C-alpha atoms as a PDB file:
ATOM      1  CA  UNK A   1      25.009 -10.155  19.031  1.00  0.00           C
ATOM      2  CA  UNK A   2      23.189  -9.359  15.796  1.00  0.00           C
ATOM      3  CA  UNK A   3      20.199 -11.543  14.938  1.00  0.00           C
ATOM      4  CA  UNK A   4      19.058 -11.780  11.333  1.00  0.00           C
ATOM      5  CA  UNK A   5      15.553 -13.106  10.728  1.00  0.00           C
ATOM      6  CA  UNK A   6      14.802 -14.486   7.295  1.00  0.00           C
ATOM      7  CA  UNK A   7      14.463 -17.361   4.870  1.00  0.00           C
ATOM      8  CA  UNK A   8      17.270 -18.980   2.918  1.00  0.00           C
ATOM      9  CA  UNK A   9      15.503 -18.564  -0.449  1.00  0.00           C
ATOM     10  CA  UNK A  10      14.977 -14.818  -0.061  1.00  0.00           C
ATOM     11  CA  UNK A  11      17.303 -12.669  -2.138  1.00  0.00           C
ATOM     12  CA  UNK A  12      16.677  -9.749   0.186  1.00  0.00           C
ATOM     13  CA  UNK A  13      17.718 -11.805   3.203  1.00  0.00           C
ATOM     14  CA  UNK A  14      20.723 -13.079   1.287  1.00  0.00           C
ATOM     15  CA  UNK A  15      22.037  -9.590   0.498  1.00  0.00           C
ATOM     16  CA  UNK A  16      22.072  -8.771   4.212  1.00  0.00           C
ATOM     17  CA  UNK A  17      23.793 -12.043   5.049  1.00  0.00           C
ATOM     18  CA  UNK A  18      26.325 -11.395   2.268  1.00  0.00           C
ATOM     19  CA  UNK A  19      27.226  -7.960   3.621  1.00  0.00           C
ATOM     20  CA  UNK A  20      27.539  -9.318   7.153  1.00  0.00           C
ATOM     21  CA  UNK A  21      29.990 -11.925   5.857  1.00  0.00           C
ATOM     22  CA  UNK A  22      31.952  -9.421   3.771  1.00  0.00           C
ATOM     23  CA  UNK A  23      32.256  -7.160   6.818  1.00  0.00           C
ATOM     24  CA  UNK A  24      33.291 -10.089   9.031  1.00  0.00           C
ATOM     25  CA  UNK A  25      30.505  -9.258  11.473  1.00  0.00           C
ATOM     26  CA  UNK A  26      29.226 -12.038  13.738  1.00  0.00           C
ATOM     27  CA  UNK A  27      25.512 -12.744  13.695  1.00  0.00           C
ATOM     28  CA  UNK A  28      22.913 -15.389  14.405  1.00  0.00           C
ATOM     29  CA  UNK A  29      20.498 -16.455  11.674  1.00  0.00           C
ATOM     30  CA  UNK A  30      16.921 -17.299  12.688  1.00  0.00           C
ATOM     31  CA  UNK A  31      14.780 -18.926  10.013  1.00  0.00           C
ATOM     32  CA  UNK A  32      11.307 -17.541   9.404  1.00  0.00           C
ATOM     33  CA  UNK A  33       9.488 -20.231   7.430  1.00  0.00           C
ATOM     34  CA  UNK A  34       7.658 -18.303   4.738  1.00  0.00           C
ATOM     35  CA  UNK A  35       6.127 -21.488   3.336  1.00  0.00           C
ATOM     36  CA  UNK A  36       4.362 -22.060   6.660  1.00  0.00           C
ATOM     37  CA  UNK A  37       3.315 -18.432   6.929  1.00  0.00           C
ATOM     38  CA  UNK A  38       5.437 -17.748  10.006  1.00  0.00           C
ATOM     39  CA  UNK A  39       6.083 -14.192   8.778  1.00  0.00           C
ATOM     40  CA  UNK A  40       2.373 -13.412   9.225  1.00  0.00           C
ATOM     41  CA  UNK A  41       2.010 -14.882  12.716  1.00  0.00           C
ATOM     42  CA  UNK A  42       2.093 -12.895  15.992  1.00  0.00           C
ATOM     43  CA  UNK A  43       5.602 -13.887  17.184  1.00  0.00           C
ATOM     44  CA  UNK A  44       7.257 -12.520  14.043  1.00  0.00           C
ATOM     45  CA  UNK A  45       4.811  -9.631  13.606  1.00  0.00           C
ATOM     46  CA  UNK A  46       5.982  -8.441  17.022  1.00  0.00           C
ATOM     47  CA  UNK A  47       9.407  -7.987  15.408  1.00  0.00           C
ATOM     48  CA  UNK A  48       8.246  -6.725  12.019  1.00  0.00           C
ATOM     49  CA  UNK A  49       4.614  -5.551  11.836  1.00  0.00           C
ATOM     50  CA  UNK A  50       4.888  -5.501   8.025  1.00  0.00           C
ATOM     51  CA  UNK A  51       5.305  -9.282   8.059  1.00  0.00           C
ATOM     52  CA  UNK A  52       8.294  -9.181   5.721  1.00  0.00           C
ATOM     53  CA  UNK A  53      11.825 -10.561   5.784  1.00  0.00           C
ATOM     54  CA  UNK A  54      14.516  -9.663   6.538  1.00  0.00           C
ATOM     55  CA  UNK A  55      14.512  -8.102   9.973  1.00  0.00           C
ATOM     56  CA  UNK A  56      17.675  -7.387  11.901  1.00  0.00           C
ATOM     57  CA  UNK A  57      17.935  -6.984  15.649  1.00  0.00           C
ATOM     58  CA  UNK A  58      21.133  -5.467  17.013  1.00  0.00           C
ATOM     59  CA  UNK A  59      20.922  -4.988  20.754  1.00  0.00           C
ATOM     60  CA  UNK A  60      18.075  -2.560  21.357  1.00  0.00           C
ATOM     61  CA  UNK A  61      17.781  -1.649  17.678  1.00  0.00           C
ATOM     62  CA  UNK A  62      15.441  -3.341  15.212  1.00  0.00           C
ATOM     63  CA  UNK A  63      16.048  -2.493  11.566  1.00  0.00           C
ATOM     64  CA  UNK A  64      13.563  -3.444   8.841  1.00  0.00           C
ATOM     65  CA  UNK A  65      13.820  -3.547   5.032  1.00  0.00           C
ATOM     66  CA  UNK A  66      16.820  -5.028   3.256  1.00  0.00           C
ATOM     67  CA  UNK A  67      18.102  -1.778   1.784  1.00  0.00           C
ATOM     68  CA  UNK A  68      17.762   0.037   5.120  1.00  0.00           C
ATOM     69  CA  UNK A  69      19.619  -2.803   6.836  1.00  0.00           C
ATOM     70  CA  UNK A  70      22.481  -2.505   4.338  1.00  0.00           C
ATOM     71  CA  UNK A  71      22.759   1.198   5.163  1.00  0.00           C
ATOM     72  CA  UNK A  72      22.719   0.458   8.895  1.00  0.00           C
ATOM     73  CA  UNK A  73      25.388  -2.238   8.689  1.00  0.00           C
ATOM     74  CA  UNK A  74      27.661  -0.252   6.400  1.00  0.00           C
ATOM     75  CA  UNK A  75      27.409   2.813   8.617  1.00  0.00           C
ATOM     76  CA  UNK A  76      27.867   0.991  11.931  1.00  0.00           C
ATOM     77  CA  UNK A  77      30.222  -1.849  11.031  1.00  0.00           C
ATOM     78  CA  UNK A  78      31.720  -0.843   7.694  1.00  0.00           C
ATOM     79  CA  UNK A  79      33.503   2.197   6.358  1.00  0.00           C
ATOM     80  CA  UNK A  80      33.226   5.036   3.881  1.00  0.00           C
ATOM     81  CA  UNK A  81      34.252   2.543   1.222  1.00  0.00           C
ATOM     82  CA  UNK A  82      30.922   0.743   1.575  1.00  0.00           C
ATOM     83  CA  UNK A  83      28.786   3.844   2.134  1.00  0.00           C
ATOM     84  CA  UNK A  84      30.316   7.236   1.347  1.00  0.00           C
ATOM     85  CA  UNK A  85      28.701  10.141   3.154  1.00  0.00           C
ATOM     86  CA  UNK A  86      29.462  13.179   1.016  1.00  0.00           C
ATOM     87  CA  UNK A  87      26.336  14.458  -0.723  1.00  0.00           C
ATOM     88  CA  UNK A  88      27.138  13.489  -4.308  1.00  0.00           C
ATOM     89  CA  UNK A  89      28.515  10.028  -3.557  1.00  0.00           C
ATOM     90  CA  UNK A  90      25.743   9.175  -1.114  1.00  0.00           C
ATOM     91  CA  UNK A  91      23.112  10.198  -3.649  1.00  0.00           C
ATOM     92  CA  UNK A  92      24.635   7.810  -6.202  1.00  0.00           C
ATOM     93  CA  UNK A  93      24.446   4.886  -3.794  1.00  0.00           C
ATOM     94  CA  UNK A  94      20.869   5.745  -2.809  1.00  0.00           C
ATOM     95  CA  UNK A  95      19.944   5.847  -6.484  1.00  0.00           C
ATOM     96  CA  UNK A  96      20.922   2.173  -6.787  1.00  0.00           C
ATOM     97  CA  UNK A  97      19.074   1.273  -3.593  1.00  0.00           C
ATOM     98  CA  UNK A  98      16.007   2.867  -5.153  1.00  0.00           C
ATOM     99  CA  UNK A  99      16.603   1.013  -8.426  1.00  0.00           C
ATOM    100  CA  UNK A 100      16.753  -2.222  -6.435  1.00  0.00           C
ATOM    101  CA  UNK A 101      13.366  -1.557  -4.853  1.00  0.00           C
ATOM    102  CA  UNK A 102      11.940  -0.375  -8.183  1.00  0.00           C
ATOM    103  CA  UNK A 103      13.164  -1.671 -11.512  1.00  0.00           C
ATOM    104  CA  UNK A 104      15.010  -4.730 -10.188  1.00  0.00           C
ATOM    105  CA  UNK A 105      12.029  -5.768  -8.080  1.00  0.00           C
ATOM    106  CA  UNK A 106       9.547  -5.208 -10.915  1.00  0.00           C
ATOM    107  CA  UNK A 107      11.728  -7.151 -13.335  1.00  0.00           C
ATOM    108  CA  UNK A 108      14.075  -9.989 -12.393  1.00  0.00           C
ATOM    109  CA  UNK A 109      12.780 -10.368  -8.837  1.00  0.00           C
ATOM    110  CA  UNK A 110       9.155 -10.616  -9.966  1.00  0.00           C
ATOM    111  CA  UNK A 111      10.053 -13.094 -12.729  1.00  0.00           C
ATOM    112  CA  UNK A 112      11.630 -15.295 -10.049  1.00  0.00           C
ATOM    113  CA  UNK A 113       8.496 -15.006  -7.902  1.00  0.00           C
ATOM    114  CA  UNK A 114       6.391 -16.055 -10.890  1.00  0.00           C
ATOM    115  CA  UNK A 115       8.397 -19.142 -11.820  1.00  0.00           C
ATOM    116  CA  UNK A 116       9.979 -20.301  -8.560  1.00  0.00           C
ATOM    117  CA  UNK A 117       7.219 -19.387  -6.117  1.00  0.00           C
ATOM    118  CA  UNK A 118       4.282 -19.762  -8.543  1.00  0.00           C
ATOM    119  CA  UNK A 119       2.913 -16.237  -8.106  1.00  0.00           C
ATOM    120  CA  UNK A 120       0.781 -16.496 -11.214  1.00  0.00           C
ATOM    121  CA  UNK A 121      -1.068 -13.230 -10.590  1.00  0.00           C
ATOM    122  CA  UNK A 122       1.961 -11.412 -12.027  1.00  0.00           C
ATOM    123  CA  UNK A 123       1.897 -10.371 -15.683  1.00  0.00           C
ATOM    124  CA  UNK A 124       4.888 -12.390 -16.809  1.00  0.00           C
ATOM    125  CA  UNK A 125       5.164 -10.789 -20.256  1.00  0.00           C
ATOM    126  CA  UNK A 126       5.377  -7.312 -18.751  1.00  0.00           C
ATOM    127  CA  UNK A 127       7.697  -8.592 -16.037  1.00  0.00           C
ATOM    128  CA  UNK A 128      10.075 -10.078 -18.617  1.00  0.00           C
ATOM    129  CA  UNK A 129      10.124  -6.793 -20.529  1.00  0.00           C
ATOM    130  CA  UNK A 130      11.045  -4.910 -17.358  1.00  0.00           C
ATOM    131  CA  UNK A 131      13.678  -7.510 -16.465  1.00  0.00           C
ATOM    132  CA  UNK A 132      15.447  -7.253 -19.791  1.00  0.00           C
ATOM    133  CA  UNK A 133      15.225  -3.464 -19.764  1.00  0.00           C
ATOM    134  CA  UNK A 134      17.003  -3.117 -16.423  1.00  0.00           C
ATOM    135  CA  UNK A 135      19.542  -5.777 -17.416  1.00  0.00           C
ATOM    136  CA  UNK A 136      20.285  -3.879 -20.627  1.00  0.00           C
ATOM    137  CA  UNK A 137      20.703  -0.622 -18.704  1.00  0.00           C
ATOM    138  CA  UNK A 138      22.916  -2.347 -16.145  1.00  0.00           C
ATOM    139  CA  UNK A 139      25.033  -3.954 -18.844  1.00  0.00           C
ATOM    140  CA  UNK A 140      25.550  -0.606 -20.546  1.00  0.00           C
ATOM    141  CA  UNK A 141      26.420   1.049 -17.246  1.00  0.00           C
ATOM    142  CA  UNK A 142      29.044  -1.609 -16.555  1.00  0.00           C
ATOM    143  CA  UNK A 143      30.567  -1.424 -20.030  1.00  0.00           C
ATOM    144  CA  UNK A 144      33.468   0.764 -18.925  1.00  0.00           C
ATOM    145  CA  UNK A 145      33.616   0.188 -15.178  1.00  0.00           C
ATOM    146  CA  UNK A 146      33.978  -2.778 -12.845  1.00  0.00           C
ATOM    147  CA  UNK A 147      31.586  -1.647 -10.110  1.00  0.00           C
ATOM    148  CA  UNK A 148      28.372   0.363 -10.045  1.00  0.00           C
ATOM    149  CA  UNK A 149      30.112   3.435  -8.639  1.00  0.00           C
ATOM    150  CA  UNK A 150      33.526   4.760  -7.564  1.00  0.00           C
ATOM    151  CA  UNK A 151      35.604   1.887  -8.949  1.00  0.00           C
ATOM    152  CA  UNK A 152      35.043  -0.234  -5.834  1.00  0.00           C
ATOM    153  CA  UNK A 153      32.263  -2.358  -4.336  1.00  0.00           C
ATOM    154  CA  UNK A 154      29.692  -0.535  -2.204  1.00  0.00           C
ATOM    155  CA  UNK A 155      26.326  -1.463  -0.784  1.00  0.00           C
ATOM    156  CA  UNK A 156      24.935  -0.396  -4.169  1.00  0.00           C
ATOM    157  CA  UNK A 157      26.493  -3.532  -5.658  1.00  0.00           C
ATOM    158  CA  UNK A 158      25.349  -5.691  -2.755  1.00  0.00           C
ATOM    159  CA  UNK A 159      21.775  -4.411  -3.090  1.00  0.00           C
ATOM    160  CA  UNK A 160      21.478  -4.972  -6.835  1.00  0.00           C
ATOM    161  CA  UNK A 161      23.468  -8.205  -7.064  1.00  0.00           C
ATOM    162  CA  UNK A 162      21.243 -10.981  -5.638  1.00  0.00           C
ATOM    163  CA  UNK A 163      18.169 -10.799  -7.838  1.00  0.00           C
ATOM    164  CA  UNK A 164      20.244 -10.049 -10.928  1.00  0.00           C
ATOM    165  CA  UNK A 165      22.387 -13.120 -10.256  1.00  0.00           C
ATOM    166  CA  UNK A 166      19.186 -15.091  -9.577  1.00  0.00           C
ATOM    167  CA  UNK A 167      17.625 -14.056 -12.896  1.00  0.00           C
ATOM    168  CA  UNK A 168      17.848 -17.613 -14.314  1.00  0.00           C
ATOM    169  CA  UNK A 169      15.469 -18.730 -11.528  1.00  0.00           C
ATOM    170  CA  UNK A 170      12.921 -16.561 -13.318  1.00  0.00           C
ATOM    171  CA  UNK A 171      13.771 -17.971 -16.751  1.00  0.00           C
ATOM    172  CA  UNK A 172      15.650 -14.769 -17.598  1.00  0.00           C
ATOM    173  CA  UNK A 173      18.910 -15.555 -19.395  1.00  0.00           C
ATOM    174  CA  UNK A 174      21.965 -13.410 -18.684  1.00  0.00           C
ATOM    175  CA  UNK A 175      23.826 -14.577 -21.802  1.00  0.00           C
ATOM    176  CA  UNK A 176      23.121 -11.334 -23.667  1.00  0.00           C
ATOM    177  CA  UNK A 177      24.653  -9.256 -20.861  1.00  0.00           C
ATOM    178  CA  UNK A 178      28.396 -10.018 -20.707  1.00  0.00           C
ATOM    179  CA  UNK A 179      29.242  -6.993 -18.572  1.00  0.00           C
ATOM    180  CA  UNK A 180      26.665  -8.051 -16.002  1.00  0.00           C
ATOM    181  CA  UNK A 181      28.113 -11.568 -15.967  1.00  0.00           C
ATOM    182  CA  UNK A 182      31.623 -10.206 -15.413  1.00  0.00           C
ATOM    183  CA  UNK A 183      30.355  -8.013 -12.564  1.00  0.00           C
ATOM    184  CA  UNK A 184      28.621 -11.005 -10.960  1.00  0.00           C
ATOM    185  CA  UNK A 185      31.890 -12.918 -11.128  1.00  0.00           C
ATOM    186  CA  UNK A 186      33.810 -10.040  -9.506  1.00  0.00           C
ATOM    187  CA  UNK A 187      31.371  -9.967  -6.604  1.00  0.00           C
ATOM    188  CA  UNK A 188      31.721 -13.726  -6.184  1.00  0.00           C
ATOM    189  CA  UNK A 189      35.468 -13.288  -5.757  1.00  0.00           C
ATOM    190  CA  UNK A 190      35.243 -10.728  -2.955  1.00  0.00           C
ATOM    191  CA  UNK A 191      36.878 -11.958   0.267  1.00  0.00           C
ATOM    192  CA  UNK A 192      34.444 -13.876   2.512  1.00  0.00           C
ATOM    193  CA  UNK A 193      31.837 -14.176  -0.243  1.00  0.00           C
ATOM    194  CA  UNK A 194      29.052 -16.656   0.504  1.00  0.00           C
ATOM    195  CA  UNK A 195      26.483 -17.998  -1.908  1.00  0.00           C
ATOM    196  CA  UNK A 196      22.919 -19.241  -1.717  1.00  0.00           C
ATOM    197  CA  UNK A 197      20.755 -21.539  -3.798  1.00  0.00           C
ATOM    198  CA  UNK A 198      21.446 -20.770  -7.490  1.00  0.00           C
ATOM    199  CA  UNK A 199      24.427 -18.534  -6.583  1.00  0.00           C
ATOM    200  CA  UNK A 200      27.441 -20.745  -6.137  1.00  0.00           C
ATOM    201  CA  UNK A 201      30.576 -19.438  -4.491  1.00  0.00           C
ATOM    202  CA  UNK A 202      33.681 -19.938  -6.676  1.00  0.00           C
ATOM    203  CA  UNK A 203      35.961 -22.793  -5.662  1.00  0.00           C
ATOM    204  CA  UNK A 204      38.824 -20.387  -4.992  1.00  0.00           C
ATOM    205  CA  UNK A 205      36.752 -18.156  -2.696  1.00  0.00           C
END
């Protein structure tokens, strides 16, 4: 049985949970209470010495980092549709995983941390600039295609999706990005889609 350690407000935990649901893979969710600092205490540090969520334990394997977990799950429980393995296609997916850990994190994710979790050490003006820059680039990329790559959903979409969809939590409006909004809606209508706080599943899903 897979065990996923995390917190329900974490977008990085959510993306792993979303892929597990989309793949129809059974798992147990164990809450790590970030507000109480449980991620920095010895029991959890024994699982993830970095003190971060999510962490995934699958039998004898422990996989850390949300993007790495997506790769693991797609490779072990998914198919080439979720994670192609030829050199060119794989490089395109990895590019989006990198964008998630870079531009998305520095922009919309950090804006959410500032407003929702009161991380006031962040430079919110610079963060907002970065958020709108990546949203503009994403909107342009999606202008003539439904998914980030290959005309179908991959873990690239699952990696980028949560914090973009959660942008309003960081006082970042998505109204100026209609292609992004359409893409968010397409993801919400994937079979077995599940939501989280601020990301509602459609009634028909």
